[in-house]
Amino acid sequence: MRIVSLISSGTEILFALGLGDRVVAVSHECDYPADALTLPRVTRSWIDSSKPSGEIDQQVKHCLAAGQPLYAIDTEILCRLAPDLIVTQAQCDVCAVRLADVADLVRSRAELQSAQVLALNPQSLAEVLADIRRVGKAAGAADEATRLCALLNERIKRVAATTAHLPAAERPRVVCLEWISPLMAAGNWTPELIELAGGCSGLATSGRHTDYVGWNDIRAFDPEVLLVSPCGFDLARSRREAELLRGLLGFAELSAVRAGRAFVIDGNAYLNRSGPRLVESLELLAALIQPELFPAPVGELAEGRAWSRL
């Protein structure tokens, strides 16, 4: 089977299932695991992501208002590869190639007529695990997917069992920002991860898309833990963007800031991607939110690698 992945989370799932040798091309954003970096890229972005977050937001809004796609598919490479399975997404037109564009291309090109299109659209941790099983089934690796989900579930249960007994008074108020200019509070699975990790998620609802949030609302909620995890940015870029928060009125008076519990996270690697590393994201959040109950993160999740203090 020849597989093309047009979404980074799909690529991570495929490699985690041991299917890396069947993946013949990936999207421009697929950077994990390292082997994915050697594969042909069949998408590109029309957005200049080197710009500050406010300018990126304006570019996105301009394209959407004009009905223009944010991403392009390299049709000729994709057709030449003639994949049997295309893994894409139906969750967010801002984050990756639109499902409609993929479907239109498959219908219009004879070389792609036999390709199965599998669109991922998870809103929760359970749905991420369900997507792993869907990818496994479509790629002929159903048993591997079952085993992987069982291992991931065990890790989730270990964290949940440790925090389940916590009374409300011992669950700090947590806000996770997924964008800086304008401010957005991380939705989808992130509030669920925060709650499992022993926090009280604020200003966002599990299972709902990330949405705008007002600075005055953040000040009123007064988070005791502040997480800054801009979508698509690595740790170094996220640190630079997070510095913009210091100029906001009352930032230094937030409980999280006064207590030294404002953290910047490499969201591109962890919180933003709906793949297997969401479980590592949960384990990282547990250590940051409930440090008395969980050991300090080490290895890839260590301070300076996956996160830093703001």
Protein backbone atom coordinates (compact mmCIF):
# COMPACT_ATOMS: atom_id res chain seq x y z
CA MET A 1 0.00 0.00 0.00
CA ARG A 2 1.18 3.49 -0.91
CA ILE A 3 0.11 6.16 1.57
CA VAL A 4 0.20 9.96 1.39
CA SER A 5 -0.40 12.01 4.54
CA LEU A 6 -1.58 15.60 4.16
CA ILE A 7 -1.74 16.29 7.90
CA SER A 8 1.06 16.12 10.48
CA SER A 9 -1.00 14.22 13.04
CA GLY A 10 -1.79 11.60 10.40
CA THR A 11 1.90 11.22 9.64
CA GLU A 12 2.69 10.70 13.31
CA ILE A 13 -0.04 8.09 13.57
CA LEU A 14 1.21 6.20 10.53
CA PHE A 15 4.78 6.07 11.79
CA ALA A 16 3.65 5.11 15.30
CA LEU A 17 1.84 2.15 13.73
CA GLY A 18 5.03 1.02 12.01
CA LEU A 19 3.80 2.08 8.58
CA GLY A 20 6.54 4.57 7.79
CA ASP A 21 7.89 2.45 4.95
CA ARG A 22 4.53 2.73 3.18
CA VAL A 23 4.32 6.52 3.40
CA VAL A 24 5.46 7.95 0.05
CA ALA A 25 4.77 11.66 0.64
CA VAL A 26 3.70 14.08 3.37
CA SER A 27 2.59 17.67 3.87
CA HIS A 28 4.91 20.65 4.20
CA GLU A 29 4.27 20.69 7.97
CA CYS A 30 5.14 17.04 8.68
CA ASP A 31 8.34 17.13 10.72
CA TYR A 32 8.00 14.18 13.11
CA PRO A 33 9.43 11.62 13.31
CA ALA A 34 12.74 12.53 11.68
CA ASP A 35 12.23 9.98 8.89
CA ALA A 36 9.26 12.01 7.67
CA LEU A 37 11.60 14.85 6.80
CA THR A 38 13.15 12.79 4.01
CA LEU A 39 9.86 12.29 2.15
CA PRO A 40 8.51 14.36 -0.77
CA ARG A 41 6.26 17.29 0.18
CA VAL A 42 2.98 17.55 -1.69
CA THR A 43 1.51 20.66 -0.06
CA ARG A 44 2.63 24.23 0.47
CA SER A 45 1.24 27.25 2.29
CA TRP A 46 0.19 30.57 0.79
CA ILE A 47 0.59 32.18 4.24
CA ASP A 48 3.90 33.71 5.28
CA SER A 49 4.29 32.11 8.70
CA SER A 50 7.50 34.05 9.40
CA LYS A 51 5.38 37.13 10.12
CA PRO A 52 4.18 38.06 13.64
CA SER A 53 1.01 36.32 14.78
CA GLY A 54 -1.13 39.43 14.22
CA GLU A 55 -0.04 39.67 10.58
CA ILE A 56 -0.58 35.95 10.06
CA ASP A 57 -4.12 36.35 11.40
CA GLN A 58 -4.76 39.17 8.91
CA GLN A 59 -3.42 37.08 6.01
CA VAL A 60 -5.70 34.21 6.97
CA LYS A 61 -8.75 36.44 7.28
CA HIS A 62 -8.04 38.07 3.91
CA CYS A 63 -7.78 34.71 2.14
CA LEU A 64 -10.91 33.35 3.80
CA ALA A 65 -12.91 36.48 2.97
CA ALA A 66 -11.81 36.19 -0.66
CA GLY A 67 -12.68 32.49 -0.77
CA GLN A 68 -9.06 31.61 -1.44
CA PRO A 69 -7.42 28.44 -0.08
CA LEU A 70 -4.63 28.81 2.45
CA TYR A 71 -2.76 25.79 1.11
CA ALA A 72 -1.97 24.26 -2.26
CA ILE A 73 -1.54 20.64 -3.30
CA ASP A 74 1.24 19.66 -5.69
CA THR A 75 -1.05 17.85 -8.08
CA GLU A 76 1.62 16.48 -10.38
CA ILE A 77 3.68 14.84 -7.62
CA LEU A 78 0.57 13.41 -5.99
CA CYS A 79 -0.69 11.96 -9.25
CA ARG A 80 2.71 10.53 -10.11
CA LEU A 81 2.83 8.75 -6.73
CA ALA A 82 -0.72 7.36 -7.26
CA PRO A 83 -1.39 6.56 -3.58
CA ASP A 84 -3.84 3.93 -2.43
CA LEU A 85 -4.66 5.89 0.74
CA ILE A 86 -4.67 9.63 1.38
CA VAL A 87 -4.89 10.70 5.01
CA THR A 88 -6.17 14.26 5.39
CA GLN A 89 -8.37 16.28 7.75
CA ALA A 90 -11.82 17.86 8.05
CA GLN A 91 -11.20 19.73 11.28
CA CYS A 92 -9.74 23.13 10.46
CA ASP A 93 -9.34 24.82 7.08
CA VAL A 94 -6.83 27.22 8.67
CA CYS A 95 -4.51 24.43 9.79
CA ALA A 96 -4.12 22.23 6.71
CA VAL A 97 -5.35 21.48 3.20
CA ARG A 98 -9.15 21.56 2.96
CA LEU A 99 -10.94 18.24 2.62
CA ALA A 100 -13.04 19.69 -0.22
CA ASP A 101 -9.89 20.47 -2.21
CA VAL A 102 -8.59 16.93 -1.70
CA ALA A 103 -11.91 15.40 -2.69
CA ASP A 104 -12.18 17.58 -5.81
CA LEU A 105 -8.68 16.62 -6.89
CA VAL A 106 -9.27 12.90 -6.40
CA ARG A 107 -12.47 13.09 -8.45
CA SER A 108 -10.82 15.05 -11.25
CA ARG A 109 -7.70 12.96 -11.87
CA ALA A 110 -7.75 9.45 -13.25
CA GLU A 111 -4.49 8.60 -11.47
CA LEU A 112 -6.23 9.11 -8.12
CA GLN A 113 -9.57 7.43 -8.81
CA SER A 114 -8.71 4.34 -6.77
CA ALA A 115 -7.36 6.27 -3.78
CA GLN A 116 -9.23 6.04 -0.50
CA VAL A 117 -9.49 9.40 1.27
CA LEU A 118 -9.56 9.20 5.06
CA ALA A 119 -10.34 12.49 6.82
CA LEU A 120 -9.48 12.97 10.50
CA ASN A 121 -11.68 15.29 12.56
CA PRO A 122 -11.18 14.64 16.29
CA GLN A 123 -12.51 16.97 18.98
CA SER A 124 -11.55 14.91 22.03
CA LEU A 125 -8.90 12.54 23.31
CA ALA A 126 -11.21 9.56 22.75
CA GLU A 127 -11.74 10.63 19.15
CA VAL A 128 -7.98 10.90 18.62
CA LEU A 129 -7.65 7.28 19.73
CA ALA A 130 -10.57 6.34 17.48
CA ASP A 131 -8.74 7.99 14.56
CA ILE A 132 -5.67 5.88 15.29
CA ARG A 133 -7.84 2.79 14.95
CA ARG A 134 -9.45 4.16 11.75
CA VAL A 135 -6.04 4.80 10.19
CA GLY A 136 -4.87 1.36 11.25
CA LYS A 137 -7.90 -0.32 9.71
CA ALA A 138 -7.62 1.62 6.45
CA ALA A 139 -3.89 0.84 6.17
CA GLY A 140 -4.14 -2.84 7.04
CA ALA A 141 -2.68 -2.43 10.52
CA ALA A 142 -5.75 -2.85 12.71
CA ASP A 143 -3.99 -5.09 15.24
CA GLU A 144 -1.10 -2.64 15.60
CA ALA A 145 -3.61 0.19 16.13
CA THR A 146 -5.39 -1.78 18.83
CA ARG A 147 -2.12 -2.41 20.66
CA LEU A 148 -1.02 1.22 20.38
CA CYS A 149 -4.35 2.51 21.69
CA ALA A 150 -4.19 0.11 24.62
CA LEU A 151 -0.75 1.41 25.59
CA LEU A 152 -1.85 5.03 25.24
CA ASN A 153 -4.99 4.36 27.27
CA GLU A 154 -2.95 2.89 30.10
CA ARG A 155 -0.86 6.06 30.30
CA ILE A 156 -3.98 8.22 30.25
CA LYS A 157 -5.52 6.16 33.04
CA ARG A 158 -2.39 6.49 35.20
CA VAL A 159 -2.59 10.28 35.07
CA ALA A 160 -6.37 10.32 35.58
CA ALA A 161 -6.18 7.97 38.57
CA THR A 162 -3.62 10.22 40.26
CA THR A 163 -5.72 13.38 39.90
CA ALA A 164 -9.19 11.90 40.30
CA HIS A 165 -9.24 12.40 44.08
CA LEU A 166 -8.32 16.08 43.97
CA PRO A 167 -10.96 18.42 45.46
CA ALA A 168 -11.87 21.58 43.57
CA ALA A 169 -9.79 23.69 45.96
CA GLU A 170 -6.64 21.85 44.90
CA ARG A 171 -7.27 22.19 41.17
CA PRO A 172 -5.62 25.42 39.95
CA ARG A 173 -7.39 27.64 37.44
CA VAL A 174 -5.72 27.13 34.06
CA VAL A 175 -5.85 29.07 30.79
CA CYS A 176 -4.10 27.82 27.67
CA LEU A 177 -3.55 30.35 24.90
CA GLU A 178 -3.32 28.90 21.40
CA TRP A 179 -2.73 32.25 19.69
CA ILE A 180 -1.42 35.60 20.87
CA SER A 181 -2.59 38.29 18.45
CA PRO A 182 -5.54 38.10 18.61
CA LEU A 183 -5.83 36.07 21.80
CA MET A 184 -7.39 32.63 21.46
CA ALA A 185 -8.06 30.08 24.20
CA ALA A 186 -7.25 26.50 23.18
CA GLY A 187 -10.33 24.36 22.67
CA ASN A 188 -10.94 20.86 21.26
CA TRP A 189 -9.09 18.33 23.45
CA THR A 190 -6.97 20.84 25.44
CA PRO A 191 -9.56 21.61 28.18
CA GLU A 192 -9.99 17.85 28.61
CA LEU A 193 -6.23 17.37 28.99
CA ILE A 194 -6.10 20.16 31.57
CA GLU A 195 -8.89 18.59 33.62
CA LEU A 196 -7.30 15.12 33.45
CA ALA A 197 -3.99 16.68 34.51
CA GLY A 198 -5.56 18.07 37.68
CA GLY A 199 -6.46 21.59 36.63
CA CYS A 200 -9.64 23.62 36.24
CA SER A 201 -9.87 24.68 32.60
CA GLY A 202 -11.15 28.17 31.96
CA LEU A 203 -12.43 30.22 29.00
CA ALA A 204 -12.62 27.21 26.65
CA THR A 205 -14.88 24.16 26.41
CA SER A 206 -13.91 20.57 25.65
CA GLY A 207 -15.00 19.44 22.23
CA ARG A 208 -15.42 22.95 20.83
CA HIS A 209 -13.09 24.69 18.43
CA THR A 210 -10.54 27.19 19.65
CA ASP A 211 -12.08 30.66 19.84
CA TYR A 212 -11.18 34.26 20.55
CA VAL A 213 -10.92 35.39 24.16
CA GLY A 214 -10.76 38.87 25.63
CA TRP A 215 -7.85 39.97 27.77
CA ASN A 216 -10.27 41.33 30.38
CA ASP A 217 -11.87 37.87 30.55
CA ILE A 218 -8.46 36.35 31.24
CA ARG A 219 -7.77 38.92 33.95
CA ALA A 220 -11.17 38.25 35.53
CA PHE A 221 -10.59 34.49 35.54
CA ASP A 222 -7.09 35.14 36.95
CA PRO A 223 -5.43 31.84 36.02
CA GLU A 224 -3.16 30.24 38.57
CA VAL A 225 -1.42 28.42 35.72
CA LEU A 226 -0.98 30.11 32.35
CA LEU A 227 0.03 28.00 29.33
CA VAL A 228 1.14 29.69 26.12
CA SER A 229 1.16 27.30 23.17
CA PRO A 230 0.73 29.10 19.83
CA CYS A 231 -0.51 26.79 17.09
CA GLY A 232 2.18 25.72 14.66
CA PHE A 233 5.10 27.39 16.46
CA ASP A 234 8.06 25.59 17.97
CA LEU A 235 9.38 26.49 21.42
CA ALA A 236 11.76 29.23 20.29
CA ARG A 237 9.09 30.95 18.19
CA SER A 238 6.51 30.51 20.95
CA ARG A 239 8.83 32.22 23.43
CA ARG A 240 9.12 35.25 21.17
CA GLU A 241 5.35 35.46 20.70
CA ALA A 242 4.72 35.01 24.44
CA GLU A 243 6.78 38.09 25.20
CA LEU A 244 3.96 40.18 23.69
CA LEU A 245 1.84 39.30 26.72
CA ARG A 246 4.11 41.29 29.02
CA GLY A 247 2.85 44.50 27.45
CA LEU A 248 -0.78 43.82 28.34
CA LEU A 249 -2.33 45.75 31.22
CA GLY A 250 -2.28 43.72 34.42
CA PHE A 251 -0.20 40.84 33.08
CA ALA A 252 2.29 41.01 35.95
CA GLU A 253 -0.58 40.87 38.46
CA LEU A 254 -2.00 37.55 37.22
CA SER A 255 -1.77 34.87 39.91
CA ALA A 256 0.09 32.56 37.52
CA VAL A 257 2.72 35.20 36.76
CA ARG A 258 3.21 36.23 40.39
CA ALA A 259 3.67 32.59 41.37
CA GLY A 260 6.09 31.82 38.53
CA ARG A 261 3.60 29.42 36.94
CA ALA A 262 3.37 30.89 33.44
CA PHE A 263 4.77 28.42 30.93
CA VAL A 264 5.50 28.39 27.20
CA ILE A 265 4.99 25.03 25.47
CA ASP A 266 6.09 23.75 22.08
CA GLY A 267 2.54 23.41 20.82
CA ASN A 268 3.62 22.41 17.34
CA ALA A 269 5.04 19.20 18.78
CA TYR A 270 2.53 18.56 21.52
CA LEU A 271 -0.78 20.27 22.31
CA ASN A 272 -1.72 21.33 18.78
CA ARG A 273 -1.39 17.95 17.06
CA SER A 274 -4.11 15.35 17.41
CA GLY A 275 -1.81 12.33 17.29
CA PRO A 276 -0.15 9.92 19.71
CA ARG A 277 1.92 12.65 21.34
CA LEU A 278 -1.22 14.11 22.90
CA VAL A 279 -0.62 11.54 25.64
CA GLU A 280 2.85 12.98 26.19
CA SER A 281 1.15 16.38 26.25
CA LEU A 282 -1.10 15.13 29.04
CA GLU A 283 1.88 13.89 31.02
CA LEU A 284 3.64 17.22 30.54
CA LEU A 285 0.59 19.20 31.66
CA ALA A 286 0.22 16.99 34.72
CA ALA A 287 3.78 17.79 35.78
CA LEU A 288 3.27 21.53 35.25
CA ILE A 289 -0.18 21.75 36.85
CA GLN A 290 0.35 19.29 39.73
CA PRO A 291 4.11 19.21 40.39
CA GLU A 292 3.58 17.72 43.84
CA LEU A 293 1.95 14.65 42.31
CA PHE A 294 4.06 14.11 39.19
CA PRO A 295 7.83 14.06 38.61
CA ALA A 296 9.55 16.81 36.67
CA PRO A 297 9.50 16.11 32.92
CA VAL A 298 12.67 14.59 31.50
CA GLY A 299 14.02 13.66 28.07
CA GLU A 300 12.10 15.22 25.20
CA LEU A 301 9.62 16.71 27.68
CA ALA A 302 12.29 18.41 29.79
CA GLU A 303 12.42 22.13 30.46
CA GLY A 304 14.15 23.88 27.60
CA ARG A 305 13.15 21.20 25.11
CA ALA A 306 9.34 20.96 25.25
CA TRP A 307 8.60 23.95 27.49
CA SER A 308 10.09 26.91 29.33
CA ARG A 309 9.06 29.41 31.95
CA LEU A 310 7.68 32.74 30.85
